[in-house]
Amino acid sequence: MRKVVMSVLPVVVLVFSAGAIAGCKSKWVKRIEKIEKAACACKDAKCAKKQQKILNEYISDTKGVKVKKKDAKKVGKLVLKAQLCISKKILKDRLKKVKKVKPAAKK
């Protein structure tokens, strides 16, 4: 009986550990993943500006919150990715507006 327990115990611990690592995400990671997906799915500047407001709210909500180191790294990467997507959409819109403006005639 003892041999069975000693051989099964490490497998059980490994399975639960793997499940805990793979399945458990903090609410902050889940929330920023949604924000990042929405920000990168935007097609225009209006949508990007809306996502910027949501991202700013998220950042202000997370100030002072303690998270695990690995979660903090993941959140940081996702915030940067979301900000990059937002910036691209807004910049693209501004460039379109600049191209529409005709240069003044020279005298």
Protein backbone atom coordinates (compact mmCIF):
# COMPACT_ATOMS: atom_id res chain seq x y z
CA MET A 1 0.00 0.00 0.00
CA ARG A 2 2.75 2.41 0.90
CA LYS A 3 4.51 1.82 -2.43
CA VAL A 4 1.33 2.66 -4.30
CA VAL A 5 0.84 5.90 -2.37
CA MET A 6 4.47 6.91 -2.80
CA SER A 7 4.35 6.29 -6.56
CA VAL A 8 0.97 7.98 -7.12
CA LEU A 9 1.53 10.98 -4.86
CA PRO A 10 4.12 12.73 -7.10
CA VAL A 11 1.84 12.29 -10.13
CA VAL A 12 -1.14 13.79 -8.28
CA VAL A 13 0.95 16.74 -7.11
CA LEU A 14 2.28 17.30 -10.62
CA VAL A 15 -1.21 17.26 -12.15
CA PHE A 16 -2.58 19.77 -9.64
CA SER A 17 0.49 21.99 -10.04
CA ALA A 18 0.17 21.99 -13.83
CA GLY A 19 -3.52 22.86 -13.55
CA ALA A 20 -2.79 25.68 -11.16
CA ILE A 21 -0.11 27.12 -13.41
CA ALA A 22 -2.04 26.79 -16.65
CA GLY A 23 -5.56 27.60 -15.50
CA CYS A 24 -5.23 30.36 -12.93
CA LYS A 25 -4.96 33.90 -14.19
CA SER A 26 -5.44 36.90 -12.01
CA LYS A 27 -8.39 39.16 -12.71
CA TRP A 28 -5.94 41.87 -13.75
CA VAL A 29 -4.39 39.69 -16.45
CA LYS A 30 -7.81 38.63 -17.76
CA ARG A 31 -8.98 42.23 -17.87
CA ILE A 32 -5.93 43.55 -19.75
CA GLU A 33 -6.14 40.66 -22.22
CA LYS A 34 -9.68 41.78 -23.10
CA ILE A 35 -8.59 45.41 -23.40
CA GLU A 36 -5.61 44.50 -25.59
CA LYS A 37 -7.75 42.39 -27.93
CA ALA A 38 -10.34 45.14 -28.25
CA ALA A 39 -7.68 47.81 -28.83
CA CYS A 40 -5.94 45.83 -31.55
CA ALA A 41 -9.28 44.99 -33.20
CA CYS A 42 -10.17 48.67 -33.67
CA LYS A 43 -10.57 49.81 -37.26
CA ASP A 44 -10.63 53.58 -36.71
CA ALA A 45 -9.44 56.34 -34.39
CA LYS A 46 -12.82 56.72 -32.66
CA CYS A 47 -12.68 53.13 -31.45
CA ALA A 48 -9.01 53.54 -30.50
CA LYS A 49 -9.75 56.64 -28.42
CA LYS A 50 -12.51 54.75 -26.59
CA GLN A 51 -10.06 51.93 -25.86
CA GLN A 52 -7.49 54.49 -24.68
CA LYS A 53 -9.96 55.71 -22.06
CA ILE A 54 -10.63 52.13 -20.95
CA LEU A 55 -6.88 51.45 -20.79
CA ASN A 56 -6.31 54.60 -18.73
CA GLU A 57 -9.05 53.52 -16.30
CA TYR A 58 -7.41 50.10 -16.03
CA ILE A 59 -4.04 51.67 -15.28
CA SER A 60 -5.50 53.91 -12.59
CA ASP A 61 -7.39 50.95 -11.07
CA THR A 62 -4.23 48.87 -10.82
CA LYS A 63 -2.08 51.48 -9.08
CA GLY A 64 -0.97 50.13 -5.73
CA VAL A 65 -2.27 46.62 -6.41
CA LYS A 66 0.17 43.86 -5.59
CA VAL A 67 0.39 41.07 -8.17
CA LYS A 68 2.72 38.17 -8.77
CA LYS A 69 5.91 38.97 -10.62
CA LYS A 70 4.99 36.85 -13.66
CA ASP A 71 1.56 38.49 -13.82
CA ALA A 72 3.14 41.93 -13.60
CA LYS A 73 5.40 41.15 -16.56
CA LYS A 74 2.49 39.84 -18.60
CA VAL A 75 0.35 42.88 -17.75
CA GLY A 76 3.20 45.20 -18.71
CA LYS A 77 3.63 43.54 -22.09
CA LEU A 78 -0.10 43.60 -22.80
CA VAL A 79 -0.42 47.26 -21.80
CA LEU A 80 2.41 48.15 -24.18
CA LYS A 81 0.87 46.11 -26.99
CA ALA A 82 -2.55 47.72 -26.46
CA GLN A 83 -0.99 51.19 -26.40
CA LEU A 84 0.91 50.44 -29.61
CA CYS A 85 -2.27 49.33 -31.39
CA ILE A 86 -4.11 52.43 -30.17
CA SER A 87 -1.29 54.75 -31.23
CA LYS A 88 -1.13 53.22 -34.71
CA LYS A 89 -4.86 53.74 -35.31
CA ILE A 90 -4.82 57.33 -34.08
CA LEU A 91 -1.66 58.18 -36.04
CA LYS A 92 -3.07 56.59 -39.19
CA ASP A 93 -6.21 58.72 -38.85
CA ARG A 94 -4.18 61.90 -38.34
CA LEU A 95 -2.04 61.15 -41.39
CA LYS A 96 -5.19 60.78 -43.48
CA LYS A 97 -6.35 64.21 -42.30
CA VAL A 98 -2.98 65.78 -43.12
CA LYS A 99 -3.01 64.32 -46.63
CA LYS A 100 -6.47 65.76 -47.26
CA VAL A 101 -5.28 69.29 -46.51
CA LYS A 102 -3.93 70.88 -49.66
CA PRO A 103 -0.73 72.90 -49.39
CA ALA A 104 -1.04 76.68 -49.77
CA ALA A 105 -0.24 78.08 -53.20
CA LYS A 106 3.16 79.73 -53.57
CA LYS A 107 3.39 83.32 -54.86
